[in-house]
């Protein structure tokens, strides 16, 4: 049987994925919400359009990243090239630099 090792209260144990085994809580996925439109960002194309409307400019220097810079400040948003690697850490980076326009929500 396969399973997951769980560390709780100083004890490590194997929780198996068989019938009658203890179920682990489901992992909650996060989503980036554009608050003015109420739309969830589902691609870099839609995110780029929303950031461009807010005054962000795309940098093309590093092909491994999507990078955006805003004139008049030192902020830089760096995102992984593949949208499937767009994690909650990257989402919160966008939110911190655009507090009135984005929010991270459970999906």
N, C-alpha and C. Protein backbone atom coordinates (compact mmCIF):
# COMPACT_ATOMS: atom_id res chain seq x y z
N UNK A 1 0.84 -1.19 0.00
CA UNK A 1 0.00 0.00 0.00
C UNK A 1 0.88 1.25 0.00
N UNK A 2 0.41 2.26 -0.68
CA UNK A 2 1.12 3.53 -0.66
C UNK A 2 0.48 4.43 0.38
N UNK A 3 1.17 5.49 0.71
CA UNK A 3 0.64 6.39 1.71
C UNK A 3 1.48 7.63 1.84
N UNK A 4 1.23 8.37 2.90
CA UNK A 4 1.93 9.61 3.17
C UNK A 4 2.45 9.57 4.60
N UNK A 5 3.70 9.99 4.78
CA UNK A 5 4.26 10.09 6.12
C UNK A 5 3.78 11.40 6.74
N UNK A 6 3.24 11.32 7.95
CA UNK A 6 2.70 12.48 8.65
C UNK A 6 3.47 12.68 9.95
N UNK A 7 3.92 13.90 10.19
CA UNK A 7 4.62 14.25 11.42
C UNK A 7 3.67 15.09 12.25
N UNK A 8 3.30 14.59 13.44
CA UNK A 8 2.35 15.30 14.29
C UNK A 8 2.71 15.04 15.75
N UNK A 9 2.83 16.12 16.53
CA UNK A 9 3.14 16.03 17.96
C UNK A 9 4.40 15.21 18.23
N UNK A 10 5.41 15.38 17.38
CA UNK A 10 6.67 14.69 17.57
C UNK A 10 6.69 13.24 17.17
N UNK A 11 5.63 12.76 16.53
CA UNK A 11 5.54 11.36 16.12
C UNK A 11 5.37 11.29 14.60
N UNK A 12 6.14 10.41 13.96
CA UNK A 12 6.02 10.19 12.53
C UNK A 12 5.28 8.89 12.30
N UNK A 13 4.27 8.91 11.43
CA UNK A 13 3.54 7.69 11.12
C UNK A 13 3.13 7.69 9.66
N UNK A 14 2.87 6.50 9.13
CA UNK A 14 2.46 6.35 7.75
C UNK A 14 0.94 6.26 7.69
N UNK A 15 0.34 7.14 6.91
CA UNK A 15 -1.10 7.11 6.67
C UNK A 15 -1.28 6.49 5.30
N UNK A 16 -1.89 5.30 5.27
CA UNK A 16 -2.04 4.56 4.02
C UNK A 16 -3.27 5.03 3.25
N UNK A 17 -3.22 4.83 1.95
CA UNK A 17 -4.31 5.23 1.07
C UNK A 17 -5.27 4.09 0.77
N UNK A 18 -5.46 3.21 1.72
CA UNK A 18 -6.34 2.07 1.52
C UNK A 18 -7.72 2.32 2.09
N UNK A 19 -8.64 1.35 1.91
CA UNK A 19 -9.98 1.50 2.48
C UNK A 19 -9.93 1.54 4.00
N UNK A 20 -10.68 2.44 4.57
CA UNK A 20 -10.75 2.55 6.02
C UNK A 20 -9.60 3.33 6.63
N UNK A 21 -8.70 3.84 5.80
CA UNK A 21 -7.58 4.61 6.36
C UNK A 21 -8.02 6.04 6.62
N UNK A 22 -7.27 6.69 7.48
CA UNK A 22 -7.57 8.08 7.84
C UNK A 22 -7.34 8.97 6.64
N UNK A 23 -8.25 9.88 6.40
CA UNK A 23 -8.13 10.79 5.26
C UNK A 23 -7.44 12.08 5.69
N UNK A 24 -6.52 12.55 4.87
CA UNK A 24 -5.87 13.83 5.11
C UNK A 24 -6.74 14.95 4.55
N UNK A 25 -6.65 16.14 5.13
CA UNK A 25 -7.44 17.25 4.59
C UNK A 25 -7.00 17.56 3.16
N UNK A 26 -7.95 17.95 2.34
CA UNK A 26 -7.66 18.28 0.94
C UNK A 26 -6.81 19.55 0.87
N UNK A 27 -5.92 19.58 -0.08
CA UNK A 27 -5.08 20.75 -0.30
C UNK A 27 -5.93 21.80 -1.01
N UNK A 28 -5.95 22.99 -0.45
CA UNK A 28 -6.72 24.06 -1.07
C UNK A 28 -5.86 24.79 -2.08
N UNK A 29 -6.34 24.90 -3.29
CA UNK A 29 -5.65 25.64 -4.33
C UNK A 29 -6.03 27.11 -4.20
N UNK A 30 -5.12 27.97 -4.57
CA UNK A 30 -5.36 29.41 -4.53
C UNK A 30 -5.55 29.92 -5.95
N UNK A 31 -6.22 31.05 -6.06
CA UNK A 31 -6.43 31.70 -7.35
C UNK A 31 -6.25 33.20 -7.17
N UNK A 32 -5.80 33.85 -8.22
CA UNK A 32 -5.62 35.30 -8.22
C UNK A 32 -6.88 35.93 -8.80
N UNK A 33 -7.53 36.77 -8.01
CA UNK A 33 -8.78 37.41 -8.41
C UNK A 33 -8.52 38.87 -8.75
N UNK A 34 -8.96 39.30 -9.93
CA UNK A 34 -8.91 40.72 -10.31
C UNK A 34 -10.18 41.35 -9.74
N UNK A 35 -10.03 42.13 -8.67
CA UNK A 35 -11.20 42.60 -7.93
C UNK A 35 -12.10 43.56 -8.71
N UNK A 36 -11.59 44.49 -9.53
CA UNK A 36 -12.53 45.37 -10.25
C UNK A 36 -13.47 44.62 -11.19
N UNK A 37 -12.98 43.55 -11.83
CA UNK A 37 -13.83 42.81 -12.77
C UNK A 37 -14.46 41.57 -12.14
N UNK A 38 -13.91 41.11 -11.01
CA UNK A 38 -14.41 39.90 -10.38
C UNK A 38 -13.99 38.63 -11.09
N UNK A 39 -13.01 38.72 -12.00
CA UNK A 39 -12.56 37.57 -12.78
C UNK A 39 -11.31 36.95 -12.17
N UNK A 40 -11.24 35.63 -12.20
CA UNK A 40 -10.05 34.91 -11.77
C UNK A 40 -9.06 34.91 -12.93
N UNK A 41 -7.80 35.20 -12.63
CA UNK A 41 -6.76 35.20 -13.65
C UNK A 41 -6.44 33.75 -13.99
N UNK A 42 -6.63 33.39 -15.26
CA UNK A 42 -6.44 32.00 -15.67
C UNK A 42 -5.31 31.80 -16.66
N UNK A 43 -4.64 32.90 -17.04
CA UNK A 43 -3.52 32.80 -17.97
C UNK A 43 -2.64 34.04 -17.84
N UNK A 44 -1.43 33.92 -18.35
CA UNK A 44 -0.54 35.08 -18.34
C UNK A 44 -1.04 36.16 -19.29
N UNK A 45 -1.73 35.79 -20.35
CA UNK A 45 -2.26 36.78 -21.28
C UNK A 45 -3.26 37.70 -20.57
N UNK A 46 -4.15 37.11 -19.78
CA UNK A 46 -5.13 37.94 -19.06
C UNK A 46 -4.46 38.75 -17.96
N UNK A 47 -3.46 38.16 -17.28
CA UNK A 47 -2.74 38.91 -16.24
C UNK A 47 -1.97 40.07 -16.86
N UNK A 48 -1.32 39.82 -17.99
CA UNK A 48 -0.55 40.88 -18.65
C UNK A 48 -1.46 42.04 -19.06
N UNK A 49 -2.64 41.74 -19.58
CA UNK A 49 -3.59 42.79 -19.97
C UNK A 49 -4.00 43.63 -18.77
N UNK A 50 -4.25 42.98 -17.64
CA UNK A 50 -4.67 43.71 -16.45
C UNK A 50 -3.52 44.54 -15.86
N UNK A 51 -2.31 43.98 -15.85
CA UNK A 51 -1.16 44.73 -15.34
C UNK A 51 -0.81 45.90 -16.25
N UNK A 52 -0.91 45.71 -17.56
CA UNK A 52 -0.62 46.79 -18.51
C UNK A 52 -1.60 47.94 -18.30
N UNK A 53 -2.85 47.63 -18.04
CA UNK A 53 -3.86 48.67 -17.78
C UNK A 53 -3.55 49.44 -16.50
N UNK A 54 -2.79 48.82 -15.59
CA UNK A 54 -2.41 49.48 -14.33
C UNK A 54 -1.07 50.22 -14.44
N UNK A 55 -0.47 50.22 -15.63
CA UNK A 55 0.78 50.95 -15.84
C UNK A 55 2.04 50.11 -15.77
N UNK A 56 1.92 48.80 -15.70
CA UNK A 56 3.08 47.92 -15.68
C UNK A 56 3.56 47.67 -17.10
N UNK A 57 4.88 47.56 -17.27
CA UNK A 57 5.48 47.27 -18.56
C UNK A 57 6.18 45.93 -18.51
N UNK A 58 6.07 45.18 -19.58
CA UNK A 58 6.69 43.85 -19.64
C UNK A 58 8.16 43.98 -20.02
N UNK A 59 9.03 43.24 -19.34
CA UNK A 59 10.45 43.12 -19.68
C UNK A 59 10.64 41.80 -20.41
N UNK A 60 11.42 41.82 -21.48
CA UNK A 60 11.64 40.62 -22.28
C UNK A 60 13.07 40.11 -22.19
N UNK A 61 13.89 40.63 -21.26
CA UNK A 61 15.31 40.29 -21.20
C UNK A 61 15.57 38.84 -20.83
N UNK A 62 14.85 38.30 -19.87
CA UNK A 62 15.08 36.92 -19.41
C UNK A 62 13.98 36.02 -19.96
N UNK A 63 14.31 35.14 -20.92
CA UNK A 63 13.27 34.29 -21.51
C UNK A 63 12.70 33.25 -20.55
N UNK A 64 13.35 33.03 -19.41
CA UNK A 64 12.85 32.04 -18.45
C UNK A 64 11.79 32.62 -17.52
N UNK A 65 11.55 33.94 -17.59
CA UNK A 65 10.62 34.59 -16.67
C UNK A 65 9.69 35.55 -17.40
N UNK A 66 8.54 35.76 -16.81
CA UNK A 66 7.68 36.88 -17.17
C UNK A 66 7.99 37.96 -16.14
N UNK A 67 8.46 39.12 -16.59
CA UNK A 67 8.79 40.19 -15.66
C UNK A 67 8.05 41.46 -16.04
N UNK A 68 7.60 42.17 -15.00
CA UNK A 68 6.89 43.43 -15.20
C UNK A 68 7.49 44.48 -14.28
N UNK A 69 7.62 45.71 -14.82
CA UNK A 69 8.16 46.84 -14.06
C UNK A 69 7.20 48.01 -14.22
N UNK A 70 7.09 48.80 -13.16
CA UNK A 70 6.24 49.98 -13.21
C UNK A 70 7.12 51.22 -13.14
N UNK A 71 6.93 52.13 -14.06
CA UNK A 71 7.72 53.37 -14.06
C UNK A 71 7.47 54.16 -12.78
N UNK A 72 8.52 54.80 -12.31
CA UNK A 72 8.38 55.65 -11.14
C UNK A 72 8.54 54.92 -9.82
N UNK A 73 8.78 53.64 -9.85
CA UNK A 73 9.02 52.90 -8.61
C UNK A 73 10.02 51.78 -8.88
N UNK A 74 10.48 51.16 -7.84
CA UNK A 74 11.50 50.12 -7.97
C UNK A 74 10.90 48.72 -7.99
N UNK A 75 9.59 48.61 -8.02
CA UNK A 75 8.94 47.30 -7.97
C UNK A 75 9.18 46.51 -9.26
N UNK A 76 9.38 45.22 -9.09
CA UNK A 76 9.54 44.29 -10.20
C UNK A 76 8.76 43.03 -9.85
N UNK A 77 7.92 42.60 -10.75
CA UNK A 77 7.19 41.35 -10.58
C UNK A 77 7.85 40.32 -11.48
N UNK A 78 8.33 39.23 -10.90
CA UNK A 78 8.96 38.15 -11.66
C UNK A 78 8.14 36.88 -11.48
N UNK A 79 7.73 36.30 -12.59
CA UNK A 79 6.87 35.11 -12.57
C UNK A 79 7.51 34.00 -13.40
N UNK A 80 7.26 32.75 -13.04
CA UNK A 80 7.82 31.64 -13.83
C UNK A 80 7.22 31.63 -15.23
N UNK A 81 7.98 31.17 -16.19
CA UNK A 81 7.56 31.16 -17.59
C UNK A 81 6.29 30.32 -17.80
N UNK A 82 6.19 29.21 -17.12
CA UNK A 82 5.06 28.29 -17.26
C UNK A 82 3.97 28.67 -16.25
N UNK A 83 2.76 28.94 -16.74
CA UNK A 83 1.66 29.35 -15.85
C UNK A 83 1.31 28.27 -14.83
N UNK A 84 1.60 27.01 -15.14
CA UNK A 84 1.31 25.93 -14.19
C UNK A 84 2.20 26.00 -12.95
N UNK A 85 3.28 26.75 -13.01
CA UNK A 85 4.16 26.95 -11.85
C UNK A 85 3.87 28.27 -11.14
N UNK A 86 2.79 28.93 -11.53
CA UNK A 86 2.35 30.18 -10.92
C UNK A 86 1.71 29.83 -9.57
N UNK A 87 2.46 30.03 -8.49
CA UNK A 87 2.02 29.59 -7.16
C UNK A 87 1.47 30.75 -6.34
N UNK A 88 1.01 30.43 -5.14
CA UNK A 88 0.46 31.46 -4.26
C UNK A 88 1.51 32.49 -3.88
N UNK A 89 2.77 32.11 -3.84
CA UNK A 89 3.85 33.08 -3.55
C UNK A 89 3.87 34.15 -4.62
N UNK A 90 3.76 33.75 -5.88
CA UNK A 90 3.75 34.71 -6.99
C UNK A 90 2.48 35.55 -6.96
N UNK A 91 1.37 34.92 -6.60
CA UNK A 91 0.10 35.64 -6.52
C UNK A 91 0.17 36.75 -5.47
N UNK A 92 0.73 36.42 -4.30
CA UNK A 92 0.84 37.43 -3.25
C UNK A 92 1.80 38.54 -3.64
N UNK A 93 2.81 38.24 -4.46
CA UNK A 93 3.71 39.28 -4.96
C UNK A 93 2.93 40.28 -5.82
N UNK A 94 2.05 39.78 -6.67
CA UNK A 94 1.21 40.65 -7.50
C UNK A 94 0.26 41.45 -6.61
N UNK A 95 -0.32 40.83 -5.60
CA UNK A 95 -1.28 41.50 -4.71
C UNK A 95 -0.60 42.62 -3.92
N UNK A 96 0.57 42.35 -3.37
CA UNK A 96 1.27 43.35 -2.55
C UNK A 96 1.58 44.60 -3.37
N UNK A 97 1.90 44.41 -4.63
CA UNK A 97 2.28 45.54 -5.48
C UNK A 97 1.09 46.18 -6.19
N UNK A 98 -0.10 45.62 -6.02
CA UNK A 98 -1.34 46.15 -6.61
C UNK A 98 -2.49 45.91 -5.65
N UNK A 99 -2.41 46.46 -4.48
CA UNK A 99 -3.34 46.14 -3.39
C UNK A 99 -4.82 46.36 -3.73
N UNK A 100 -5.12 47.38 -4.51
CA UNK A 100 -6.52 47.68 -4.80
C UNK A 100 -7.09 46.90 -5.98
N UNK A 101 -6.23 46.15 -6.67
CA UNK A 101 -6.68 45.51 -7.91
C UNK A 101 -6.72 44.00 -7.89
N UNK A 102 -6.01 43.37 -6.95
CA UNK A 102 -5.95 41.92 -6.92
C UNK A 102 -6.12 41.39 -5.51
N UNK A 103 -6.56 40.13 -5.44
CA UNK A 103 -6.73 39.44 -4.16
C UNK A 103 -6.50 37.95 -4.40
N UNK A 104 -5.95 37.25 -3.42
CA UNK A 104 -5.78 35.80 -3.50
C UNK A 104 -6.96 35.15 -2.78
N UNK A 105 -7.61 34.21 -3.47
CA UNK A 105 -8.79 33.54 -2.92
C UNK A 105 -8.62 32.03 -3.05
N UNK A 106 -9.39 31.27 -2.27
CA UNK A 106 -9.42 29.82 -2.43
C UNK A 106 -10.22 29.49 -3.68
N UNK A 107 -9.71 28.54 -4.45
CA UNK A 107 -10.45 28.18 -5.67
C UNK A 107 -11.21 26.88 -5.50
